N, C-alpha and C. Protein backbone atom coordinates (compact mmCIF):
# COMPACT_ATOMS: atom_id res chain seq x y z
N MET A 1 52.74 -74.01 352.17
CA MET A 1 51.98 -73.18 351.26
C MET A 1 50.72 -73.90 350.78
N THR A 2 50.81 -75.19 350.56
CA THR A 2 49.66 -75.96 350.11
C THR A 2 48.56 -75.98 351.16
N ALA A 3 48.96 -76.05 352.43
CA ALA A 3 47.97 -76.05 353.51
C ALA A 3 47.22 -74.73 353.54
N VAL A 4 47.93 -73.64 353.30
CA VAL A 4 47.29 -72.31 353.28
C VAL A 4 46.32 -72.22 352.11
N ASP A 5 46.72 -72.73 350.96
CA ASP A 5 45.84 -72.72 349.79
C ASP A 5 44.59 -73.56 350.05
N GLY A 6 44.79 -74.71 350.70
CA GLY A 6 43.65 -75.57 351.02
C GLY A 6 42.68 -74.90 351.97
N ARG A 7 43.21 -74.23 352.99
CA ARG A 7 42.34 -73.51 353.92
C ARG A 7 41.62 -72.37 353.22
N SER A 8 42.34 -71.68 352.36
CA SER A 8 41.74 -70.57 351.61
C SER A 8 40.60 -71.08 350.72
N ASP A 9 40.82 -72.20 350.08
CA ASP A 9 39.78 -72.79 349.23
C ASP A 9 38.56 -73.20 350.06
N ARG A 10 38.81 -73.81 351.22
CA ARG A 10 37.70 -74.23 352.08
C ARG A 10 36.93 -73.01 352.58
N LEU A 11 37.65 -71.95 352.93
CA LEU A 11 37.00 -70.72 353.38
C LEU A 11 36.16 -70.11 352.26
N ASP A 12 36.71 -70.08 351.06
CA ASP A 12 35.96 -69.56 349.91
C ASP A 12 34.71 -70.39 349.67
N ASP A 13 34.83 -71.72 349.75
CA ASP A 13 33.68 -72.60 349.56
C ASP A 13 32.63 -72.36 350.64
N ALA A 14 33.08 -72.21 351.88
CA ALA A 14 32.14 -71.97 352.98
C ALA A 14 31.44 -70.62 352.81
N GLN A 15 32.17 -69.61 352.39
CA GLN A 15 31.55 -68.30 352.18
C GLN A 15 30.53 -68.35 351.04
N MET A 16 30.85 -69.07 350.00
CA MET A 16 29.94 -69.18 348.87
C MET A 16 28.67 -69.94 349.28
N ALA A 17 28.84 -71.03 350.02
CA ALA A 17 27.69 -71.80 350.48
C ALA A 17 26.81 -70.95 351.38
N ARG A 18 27.43 -70.18 352.25
CA ARG A 18 26.66 -69.31 353.15
C ARG A 18 25.93 -68.24 352.34
N ARG A 19 26.59 -67.67 351.37
CA ARG A 19 25.97 -66.64 350.54
C ARG A 19 24.74 -67.20 349.83
N PHE A 20 24.87 -68.41 349.26
CA PHE A 20 23.74 -69.02 348.58
C PHE A 20 22.61 -69.34 349.55
N ALA A 21 22.95 -69.82 350.73
CA ALA A 21 21.93 -70.11 351.74
C ALA A 21 21.22 -68.83 352.16
N ASP A 22 21.97 -67.76 352.31
CA ASP A 22 21.36 -66.47 352.67
C ASP A 22 20.43 -65.97 351.57
N LEU A 23 20.88 -66.10 350.34
CA LEU A 23 20.04 -65.67 349.21
C LEU A 23 18.76 -66.51 349.13
N ASP A 24 18.89 -67.81 349.36
CA ASP A 24 17.71 -68.68 349.36
C ASP A 24 16.75 -68.28 350.46
N ALA A 25 17.28 -67.94 351.65
CA ALA A 25 16.43 -67.54 352.76
C ALA A 25 15.68 -66.24 352.44
N VAL A 26 16.37 -65.30 351.84
CA VAL A 26 15.74 -64.03 351.48
C VAL A 26 14.67 -64.25 350.41
N ALA A 27 14.98 -65.07 349.42
CA ALA A 27 14.00 -65.35 348.37
C ALA A 27 12.77 -66.05 348.93
N ALA A 28 12.98 -67.00 349.83
CA ALA A 28 11.85 -67.71 350.45
C ALA A 28 11.00 -66.75 351.28
N LYS A 29 11.64 -65.83 351.97
CA LYS A 29 10.90 -64.85 352.77
C LYS A 29 10.06 -63.96 351.86
N ARG A 30 10.63 -63.52 350.76
CA ARG A 30 9.88 -62.67 349.83
C ARG A 30 8.69 -63.42 349.24
N ARG A 31 8.90 -64.69 348.88
CA ARG A 31 7.78 -65.47 348.34
C ARG A 31 6.68 -65.62 349.38
N ALA A 32 7.05 -65.89 350.62
CA ALA A 32 6.06 -66.05 351.68
C ALA A 32 5.32 -64.73 351.93
N GLU A 33 6.06 -63.63 351.94
CA GLU A 33 5.43 -62.32 352.14
C GLU A 33 4.48 -61.99 351.00
N ASP A 34 4.92 -62.27 349.77
CA ASP A 34 4.06 -62.02 348.62
C ASP A 34 2.79 -62.87 348.69
N GLY A 35 2.94 -64.12 349.09
CA GLY A 35 1.77 -64.99 349.23
C GLY A 35 0.81 -64.48 350.29
N ALA A 36 1.35 -64.05 351.42
CA ALA A 36 0.51 -63.52 352.50
C ALA A 36 -0.22 -62.26 352.04
N ASN A 37 0.47 -61.41 351.32
CA ASN A 37 -0.15 -60.18 350.83
C ASN A 37 -1.21 -60.47 349.77
N ARG A 38 -0.96 -61.45 348.90
CA ARG A 38 -1.97 -61.82 347.90
C ARG A 38 -3.22 -62.37 348.57
N LYS A 39 -3.04 -63.22 349.58
CA LYS A 39 -4.20 -63.76 350.30
C LYS A 39 -4.99 -62.64 350.97
N TYR A 40 -4.27 -61.69 351.56
CA TYR A 40 -4.92 -60.57 352.23
C TYR A 40 -5.69 -59.72 351.22
N GLU A 41 -5.06 -59.41 350.10
CA GLU A 41 -5.73 -58.62 349.07
C GLU A 41 -6.97 -59.32 348.54
N ALA A 42 -6.89 -60.64 348.37
CA ALA A 42 -8.05 -61.40 347.91
C ALA A 42 -9.16 -61.36 348.95
N ALA A 43 -8.78 -61.50 350.22
CA ALA A 43 -9.79 -61.46 351.28
C ALA A 43 -10.46 -60.08 351.35
N VAL A 44 -9.68 -59.03 351.19
CA VAL A 44 -10.25 -57.67 351.21
C VAL A 44 -11.16 -57.47 350.00
N ALA A 45 -10.73 -57.97 348.85
CA ALA A 45 -11.56 -57.84 347.65
C ALA A 45 -12.88 -58.59 347.80
N ASN A 46 -12.86 -59.68 348.57
CA ASN A 46 -14.07 -60.47 348.77
C ASN A 46 -14.98 -59.92 349.87
N LEU A 47 -14.56 -58.87 350.53
CA LEU A 47 -15.38 -58.32 351.61
C LEU A 47 -16.74 -57.85 351.12
N ARG A 48 -16.81 -57.42 349.89
CA ARG A 48 -18.11 -56.94 349.37
C ARG A 48 -19.13 -58.07 349.29
N ASP A 49 -18.64 -59.32 349.25
CA ASP A 49 -19.54 -60.47 349.20
C ASP A 49 -19.97 -60.92 350.59
N VAL A 50 -19.38 -60.33 351.63
CA VAL A 50 -19.69 -60.68 353.01
C VAL A 50 -20.83 -59.78 353.49
N ALA A 51 -21.69 -60.34 354.30
CA ALA A 51 -22.80 -59.55 354.86
C ALA A 51 -22.23 -58.33 355.59
N PRO A 52 -22.88 -57.19 355.45
CA PRO A 52 -22.37 -55.95 356.07
C PRO A 52 -22.07 -56.09 357.56
N LYS A 53 -22.88 -56.84 358.27
CA LYS A 53 -22.66 -56.98 359.71
C LYS A 53 -21.40 -57.81 360.03
N ASP A 54 -20.95 -58.61 359.08
CA ASP A 54 -19.79 -59.50 359.29
C ASP A 54 -18.50 -58.97 358.66
N ARG A 55 -18.58 -57.85 357.96
CA ARG A 55 -17.40 -57.34 357.24
C ARG A 55 -16.27 -56.95 358.17
N SER A 56 -16.59 -56.32 359.26
CA SER A 56 -15.53 -55.90 360.19
C SER A 56 -14.75 -57.09 360.71
N LYS A 57 -15.47 -58.12 361.12
CA LYS A 57 -14.81 -59.32 361.63
C LYS A 57 -14.00 -60.00 360.53
N ALA A 58 -14.55 -60.08 359.32
CA ALA A 58 -13.83 -60.70 358.21
C ALA A 58 -12.56 -59.92 357.88
N ALA A 59 -12.63 -58.60 357.93
CA ALA A 59 -11.45 -57.77 357.68
C ALA A 59 -10.40 -57.98 358.77
N GLN A 60 -10.85 -58.05 360.01
CA GLN A 60 -9.92 -58.29 361.11
C GLN A 60 -9.27 -59.67 360.99
N ASP A 61 -10.06 -60.66 360.63
CA ASP A 61 -9.52 -62.01 360.46
C ASP A 61 -8.49 -62.05 359.34
N ALA A 62 -8.77 -61.35 358.25
CA ALA A 62 -7.83 -61.31 357.13
C ALA A 62 -6.53 -60.64 357.56
N GLU A 63 -6.64 -59.54 358.29
CA GLU A 63 -5.44 -58.83 358.76
C GLU A 63 -4.66 -59.69 359.75
N ARG A 64 -5.36 -60.37 360.64
CA ARG A 64 -4.70 -61.24 361.62
C ARG A 64 -3.96 -62.38 360.92
N ALA A 65 -4.60 -62.98 359.93
CA ALA A 65 -3.96 -64.07 359.19
C ALA A 65 -2.72 -63.56 358.46
N ARG A 66 -2.81 -62.36 357.88
CA ARG A 66 -1.66 -61.78 357.18
C ARG A 66 -0.51 -61.53 358.15
N ILE A 67 -0.82 -60.97 359.31
CA ILE A 67 0.21 -60.69 360.31
C ILE A 67 0.89 -61.98 360.76
N GLU A 68 0.10 -63.03 360.98
CA GLU A 68 0.66 -64.32 361.40
C GLU A 68 1.55 -64.92 360.32
N GLU A 69 1.12 -64.83 359.07
CA GLU A 69 1.93 -65.38 357.98
C GLU A 69 3.22 -64.60 357.81
N LEU A 70 3.15 -63.27 357.95
CA LEU A 70 4.37 -62.46 357.84
C LEU A 70 5.33 -62.77 358.98
N ALA A 71 4.79 -62.94 360.18
CA ALA A 71 5.63 -63.28 361.33
C ALA A 71 6.28 -64.65 361.13
N GLN A 72 5.54 -65.60 360.60
CA GLN A 72 6.09 -66.92 360.33
C GLN A 72 7.19 -66.85 359.29
N SER A 73 7.01 -66.03 358.27
CA SER A 73 8.04 -65.91 357.24
C SER A 73 9.31 -65.29 357.83
N ARG A 74 9.16 -64.34 358.75
CA ARG A 74 10.33 -63.74 359.41
C ARG A 74 11.04 -64.77 360.29
N ARG A 75 10.26 -65.57 361.03
CA ARG A 75 10.88 -66.60 361.87
C ARG A 75 11.63 -67.62 361.03
N THR A 76 11.01 -68.06 359.95
CA THR A 76 11.66 -69.03 359.06
C THR A 76 12.93 -68.44 358.46
N HIS A 77 12.86 -67.20 358.06
CA HIS A 77 14.03 -66.51 357.50
C HIS A 77 15.15 -66.42 358.54
N ASP A 78 14.79 -66.00 359.74
CA ASP A 78 15.80 -65.87 360.81
C ASP A 78 16.43 -67.22 361.15
N GLU A 79 15.63 -68.27 361.19
CA GLU A 79 16.15 -69.61 361.47
C GLU A 79 17.10 -70.06 360.35
N ALA A 80 16.73 -69.79 359.12
CA ALA A 80 17.59 -70.18 358.00
C ALA A 80 18.92 -69.43 358.05
N LEU A 81 18.87 -68.14 358.37
CA LEU A 81 20.12 -67.38 358.49
C LEU A 81 20.96 -67.89 359.65
N GLY A 82 20.32 -68.22 360.76
CA GLY A 82 21.05 -68.76 361.92
C GLY A 82 21.72 -70.08 361.59
N THR A 83 21.00 -70.94 360.91
CA THR A 83 21.56 -72.23 360.50
C THR A 83 22.73 -72.03 359.55
N SER A 84 22.57 -71.11 358.63
CA SER A 84 23.65 -70.81 357.70
C SER A 84 24.89 -70.30 358.44
N GLN A 85 24.67 -69.45 359.41
CA GLN A 85 25.78 -68.90 360.18
C GLN A 85 26.48 -70.00 360.98
N GLN A 86 25.71 -70.91 361.57
CA GLN A 86 26.30 -72.00 362.33
C GLN A 86 27.13 -72.91 361.44
N ARG A 87 26.62 -73.21 360.25
CA ARG A 87 27.36 -74.05 359.32
C ARG A 87 28.65 -73.36 358.89
N TYR A 88 28.57 -72.06 358.70
CA TYR A 88 29.75 -71.31 358.27
C TYR A 88 30.83 -71.33 359.35
N ARG A 89 30.41 -71.23 360.60
CA ARG A 89 31.38 -71.21 361.71
C ARG A 89 31.98 -72.57 361.98
N ALA A 90 31.29 -73.62 361.55
CA ALA A 90 31.76 -75.00 361.85
C ALA A 90 32.98 -75.39 361.06
């Protein structure tokens, strides 16, 4: 019976650790997404200060940077979840 209780405790600990790791990954992804969106909004707001002939390129660059940052945040999130899953299975 003690062995069963010990395994149950270890399983509970592993599930809790995984849950916290998952929550941390989601929170980090949201922070990264919010940062990317703030940078994009700032770049769009600054477009009025850019010469009219360069605005299109500046807008495209801002959008491209935002897309890259969002993709990086998704990759980081997915890697963190994968690592958490591997630790849980171990």
